[in-house]
N, C-alpha and C. Protein backbone atom coordinates (compact mmCIF):
# COMPACT_ATOMS: atom_id res chain seq x y z
N MET A 1 91.18 87.42 90.93
CA MET A 1 91.13 86.82 92.09
C MET A 1 89.77 88.56 92.73
N PRO A 2 89.11 88.14 93.32
CA PRO A 2 88.03 89.15 93.73
C PRO A 2 88.73 90.49 94.64
N SER A 3 88.19 91.58 94.09
CA SER A 3 89.12 93.16 95.09
C SER A 3 88.18 93.57 96.44
N TRP A 4 88.22 93.47 97.25
CA TRP A 4 87.71 93.88 98.89
C TRP A 4 87.57 95.62 99.20
N SER A 5 86.59 95.96 99.24
CA SER A 5 87.20 97.02 100.07
C SER A 5 86.83 97.05 101.73
N VAL A 6 87.85 97.51 102.34
CA VAL A 6 87.49 96.70 103.45
C VAL A 6 87.46 98.20 104.66
N THR A 7 87.02 98.00 105.51
CA THR A 7 86.93 98.73 106.25
C THR A 7 87.11 98.57 107.53
N VAL A 8 88.11 99.10 108.34
CA VAL A 8 88.50 98.52 109.63
C VAL A 8 88.79 99.88 110.70
N GLU A 9 87.80 99.61 111.70
CA GLU A 9 88.19 100.90 113.14
C GLU A 9 88.60 99.94 114.11
N ALA A 10 89.69 100.94 114.86
CA ALA A 10 89.82 101.10 116.25
C ALA A 10 89.56 101.85 117.28
N ASP A 11 89.20 101.48 118.35
CA ASP A 11 88.70 102.32 119.40
C ASP A 11 89.41 102.63 120.70
N GLY A 12 90.32 104.13 121.09
CA GLY A 12 91.23 104.15 121.71
C GLY A 12 90.48 105.17 123.08
N ASP A 13 91.58 105.80 123.63
CA ASP A 13 90.90 106.71 125.20
C ASP A 13 91.48 107.98 124.55
N ARG A 14 92.25 108.61 123.75
CA ARG A 14 91.99 109.62 123.59
C ARG A 14 91.97 110.63 122.05
N PRO A 15 91.69 111.81 122.08
CA PRO A 15 91.61 112.10 120.90
C PRO A 15 92.65 111.75 120.05
N LEU A 16 93.21 111.89 118.83
CA LEU A 16 94.01 111.41 117.55
C LEU A 16 94.56 112.98 117.13
N GLY A 17 95.97 113.32 116.46
CA GLY A 17 95.58 114.72 116.61
C GLY A 17 95.75 114.65 114.61
N ARG A 18 96.03 115.31 114.12
CA ARG A 18 95.61 115.22 112.28
C ARG A 18 97.69 115.13 111.86
N GLU A 19 98.28 115.15 112.60
CA GLU A 19 99.78 114.62 111.74
C GLU A 19 99.24 112.86 112.56
N GLU A 20 98.77 112.34 113.11
CA GLU A 20 98.86 110.99 113.35
C GLU A 20 98.05 110.40 112.27
N ILE A 21 96.96 110.86 112.08
CA ILE A 21 95.64 110.39 110.81
C ILE A 21 97.03 110.76 109.48
N VAL A 22 97.26 111.38 109.73
CA VAL A 22 97.92 111.52 107.97
C VAL A 22 99.36 110.87 107.68
N ALA A 23 99.88 110.54 108.67
CA ALA A 23 101.04 109.44 109.20
C ALA A 23 100.00 108.15 108.60
N LEU A 24 99.09 107.73 109.25
CA LEU A 24 97.51 106.37 108.92
C LEU A 24 97.77 106.24 107.60
N ALA A 25 96.99 107.93 106.45
CA ALA A 25 97.02 107.53 105.72
C ALA A 25 98.04 107.62 104.50
N ASP A 26 99.29 107.91 105.14
CA ASP A 26 100.45 107.76 104.20
C ASP A 26 100.54 105.91 104.28
N ALA A 27 100.84 105.24 105.57
CA ALA A 27 101.27 104.30 105.61
C ALA A 27 100.09 103.44 105.05
N VAL A 28 98.59 103.70 104.40
CA VAL A 28 97.80 102.90 103.57
C VAL A 28 97.17 103.33 102.28
N ALA A 29 98.10 104.07 101.93
CA ALA A 29 98.35 104.94 100.53
C ALA A 29 98.17 104.13 99.62
N ARG A 30 99.70 102.82 99.93
CA ARG A 30 99.83 101.78 98.27
C ARG A 30 98.77 100.81 98.69
N HIS A 31 98.06 100.96 99.33
CA HIS A 31 96.38 99.81 99.69
C HIS A 31 95.81 100.63 99.09
N ASP A 32 95.69 101.78 98.28
CA ASP A 32 94.61 102.58 97.62
C ASP A 32 93.87 102.69 98.80
N GLY A 33 94.26 103.56 99.94
CA GLY A 33 93.46 103.08 101.23
C GLY A 33 93.22 104.48 101.16
N VAL A 34 92.58 104.94 102.64
CA VAL A 34 92.20 106.38 103.21
C VAL A 34 92.21 106.37 104.73
N ALA A 35 92.03 107.06 105.04
CA ALA A 35 92.57 107.33 106.33
C ALA A 35 91.53 108.42 107.38
N SER A 36 90.94 107.81 108.55
CA SER A 36 90.03 109.02 108.97
C SER A 36 90.63 108.98 111.02
N GLY A 37 89.78 109.76 111.53
CA GLY A 37 89.85 109.81 112.71
C GLY A 37 91.05 111.45 113.67
N ILE A 38 90.77 112.20 112.96
CA ILE A 38 91.10 113.67 113.24
C ILE A 38 90.45 113.99 114.68
N GLY A 39 91.14 114.01 115.87
CA GLY A 39 90.41 114.99 116.48
C GLY A 39 89.41 113.99 117.43
N GLN A 40 89.03 112.38 117.06
CA GLN A 40 88.33 111.00 117.54
C GLN A 40 89.24 110.44 118.57
N GLN A 41 88.69 109.54 118.98
CA GLN A 41 89.33 108.69 119.97
C GLN A 41 88.35 107.10 118.93
N THR A 42 88.78 107.26 118.49
CA THR A 42 88.72 106.25 116.70
C THR A 42 89.64 106.71 116.04
N TYR A 43 90.15 105.42 115.45
CA TYR A 43 91.05 105.37 114.03
C TYR A 43 90.51 104.57 113.12
N GLY A 44 90.75 104.97 111.61
CA GLY A 44 90.07 103.95 110.79
C GLY A 44 90.66 104.03 109.52
N VAL A 45 90.55 102.82 108.93
CA VAL A 45 90.75 102.94 107.50
C VAL A 45 90.15 102.45 106.59
N GLN A 46 90.28 102.45 105.07
CA GLN A 46 89.32 101.90 104.25
C GLN A 46 90.28 101.45 103.17
N ILE A 47 90.80 99.65 102.85
CA ILE A 47 91.59 99.78 102.05
C ILE A 47 91.06 98.81 100.84
N LEU A 48 91.72 98.66 100.13
CA LEU A 48 91.72 97.71 98.98
C LEU A 48 92.28 96.33 99.21
N VAL A 49 91.87 95.39 99.04
CA VAL A 49 92.61 94.34 99.30
C VAL A 49 91.97 92.66 98.24
N GLU A 50 92.84 92.13 97.84
CA GLU A 50 92.60 90.86 96.91
C GLU A 50 92.83 89.98 98.20
N ALA A 51 91.08 89.23 97.61
CA ALA A 51 91.30 87.74 97.91
C ALA A 51 90.24 87.07 97.87
N PRO A 52 90.51 85.26 97.74
CA PRO A 52 89.47 84.87 97.17
C PRO A 52 87.79 84.99 97.77
N SER A 53 87.63 85.17 99.68
CA SER A 53 86.66 85.00 100.37
C SER A 53 86.42 86.12 100.99
N ARG A 54 85.26 86.40 101.55
CA ARG A 54 85.35 87.47 102.48
C ARG A 54 86.23 87.51 103.47
N ASP A 55 85.81 86.40 104.41
CA ASP A 55 86.77 86.01 105.32
C ASP A 55 88.44 85.83 105.22
N GLU A 56 88.98 85.75 104.40
CA GLU A 56 90.75 86.41 103.80
C GLU A 56 90.38 87.34 103.54
N ALA A 57 89.49 88.27 103.03
CA ALA A 57 89.86 89.33 102.82
C ALA A 57 89.25 90.00 103.91
N ALA A 58 89.34 89.91 104.96
CA ALA A 58 88.78 90.59 106.71
C ALA A 58 90.22 89.95 106.93
N GLU A 59 90.76 89.08 106.61
CA GLU A 59 92.07 88.61 107.43
C GLU A 59 93.19 89.50 107.34
N ARG A 60 93.19 89.18 105.57
CA ARG A 60 94.35 90.33 104.97
C ARG A 60 93.95 91.65 105.16
N ALA A 61 92.99 92.46 105.46
CA ALA A 61 93.15 94.04 105.98
C ALA A 61 93.06 93.92 107.23
N LYS A 62 92.67 93.31 108.50
CA LYS A 62 93.38 93.17 109.35
C LYS A 62 94.78 93.58 109.68
N GLU A 63 95.02 92.79 109.35
CA GLU A 63 97.49 92.60 108.76
C GLU A 63 97.71 93.81 108.52
N LEU A 64 97.55 94.13 107.35
CA LEU A 64 97.88 95.26 106.52
C LEU A 64 97.51 96.55 107.37
N PHE A 65 96.06 96.35 108.44
CA PHE A 65 95.53 97.44 108.84
C PHE A 65 96.95 97.58 110.32
N ALA A 66 97.13 96.46 111.10
CA ALA A 66 98.20 96.62 111.81
C ALA A 66 99.70 96.76 111.58
N GLU A 67 99.95 96.66 110.57
CA GLU A 67 101.17 97.18 110.23
C GLU A 67 101.58 98.81 109.55
N ALA A 68 100.01 98.85 109.37
CA ALA A 68 99.82 100.68 109.32
C ALA A 68 99.88 101.23 110.21
N VAL A 69 99.48 100.41 111.40
CA VAL A 69 99.40 101.60 112.87
C VAL A 69 100.76 101.46 113.39
N ARG A 70 101.29 100.59 113.39
CA ARG A 70 102.97 100.22 113.69
C ARG A 70 103.96 101.54 112.98
N GLU A 71 103.61 101.17 111.60
CA GLU A 71 104.08 102.62 110.58
C GLU A 71 104.02 103.74 111.15
N ALA A 72 102.79 103.66 111.22
CA ALA A 72 102.30 105.76 111.66
C ALA A 72 102.63 105.57 113.24
N GLY A 73 102.84 104.67 114.04
CA GLY A 73 103.58 105.07 115.78
C GLY A 73 102.43 105.28 116.38
N LEU A 74 100.70 104.81 116.33
CA LEU A 74 99.95 104.85 116.41
C LEU A 74 99.81 103.97 117.61
N PRO A 75 98.73 104.22 118.63
CA PRO A 75 98.98 103.16 119.88
C PRO A 75 98.12 101.94 119.33
N PRO A 76 98.70 100.39 119.51
CA PRO A 76 98.03 99.36 119.22
C PRO A 76 96.63 98.95 119.59
N TRP A 77 95.11 100.04 119.40
CA TRP A 77 93.96 99.64 120.09
C TRP A 77 93.62 98.72 119.38
N PRO A 78 92.91 98.20 120.68
CA PRO A 78 91.38 97.00 119.58
C PRO A 78 91.02 97.60 118.66
N VAL A 79 90.52 96.35 117.53
CA VAL A 79 89.96 96.68 116.77
C VAL A 79 88.29 96.98 116.82
N SER A 80 87.45 97.69 116.38
CA SER A 80 86.19 97.65 116.85
C SER A 80 84.58 97.37 115.89
N SER A 81 85.82 97.72 114.36
CA SER A 81 84.60 97.77 113.48
C SER A 81 85.67 96.79 112.52
N LEU A 82 84.77 95.95 111.80
CA LEU A 82 86.03 95.12 110.36
C LEU A 82 84.43 95.22 108.75
N ILE A 83 84.81 95.53 108.22
CA ILE A 83 83.20 95.49 107.06
C ILE A 83 84.23 95.41 106.01
N PRO A 84 84.40 93.69 105.45
CA PRO A 84 84.34 93.80 103.96
C PRO A 84 83.32 94.11 103.14
N MET A 85 83.47 94.83 102.53
CA MET A 85 82.06 94.76 100.92
C MET A 85 83.09 94.35 99.66
N SER A 86 82.29 93.04 99.34
CA SER A 86 83.00 93.25 97.23
C SER A 86 82.38 94.17 96.82
N GLU A 87 82.73 94.25 95.11
CA GLU A 87 82.47 94.96 94.11
C GLU A 87 80.72 94.61 94.04
N GLN A 88 80.17 93.45 94.18
CA GLN A 88 78.76 93.21 94.44
C GLN A 88 78.06 93.39 95.23
N ASP A 89 78.56 93.56 96.80
CA ASP A 89 78.17 94.19 97.53
C ASP A 89 78.06 95.77 97.11
N GLU A 90 78.57 96.71 97.14
CA GLU A 90 78.49 97.61 96.93
C GLU A 90 78.00 98.21 95.92
N LEU A 91 77.15 97.36 94.85
CA LEU A 91 76.21 97.58 93.54
C LEU A 91 74.87 97.24 94.38
N GLU A 92 74.79 96.30 94.99
CA GLU A 92 73.96 95.48 95.39
C GLU A 92 73.30 97.07 96.49
N GLU A 93 73.80 97.31 97.58
CA GLU A 93 73.90 98.81 98.15
C GLU A 93 73.11 99.68 97.63
N LEU A 94 73.94 100.39 96.55
CA LEU A 94 73.67 101.32 95.41
C LEU A 94 72.53 101.26 95.36
N PHE A 95 71.75 99.75 94.54
CA PHE A 95 70.65 99.59 94.12
C PHE A 95 69.83 99.90 94.84
N ALA A 96 69.45 98.90 96.20
CA ALA A 96 68.97 99.27 97.15
C ALA A 96 68.33 100.63 97.25
N HIS A 97 69.62 101.67 98.25
CA HIS A 97 69.46 103.09 98.07
C HIS A 97 68.93 103.77 97.49
N GLU A 98 69.25 103.61 95.63
CA GLU A 98 68.34 103.84 94.12
C GLU A 98 66.91 103.73 94.79
N GLN A 99 66.19 102.74 94.96
CA GLN A 99 65.18 101.74 95.08
C GLN A 99 64.45 102.61 96.17
N ARG A 100 65.11 102.91 97.24
CA ARG A 100 64.21 103.67 98.05
C ARG A 100 63.84 105.11 97.99
N GLU A 101 65.16 105.34 97.36
CA GLU A 101 64.87 107.10 96.84
C GLU A 101 63.70 107.04 95.77
N ALA A 102 63.84 106.34 94.61
CA ALA A 102 62.76 106.30 93.85
C ALA A 102 61.15 106.30 94.73
């Protein structure tokens, strides 16, 4: 089954502290994830999921994101960005970037 790197972000109404984002990072670590958002009114994660299609990867990532947000005790802000990328997508993006640089 293909692996997908999915970035999910949520926008809210207050800046988040270091401890809150560290709790989110801890919650997504088991999915080879990282978290961001210290001092921002946005929190986000990048996680790896296995799914047969882009749409299913996006759905699975939304579920895992919601679980991690609950586990971290963060406010359930609405998802503002959801970007699934396959390994092939990442290679094509890297190749295009290298072509622009050449």
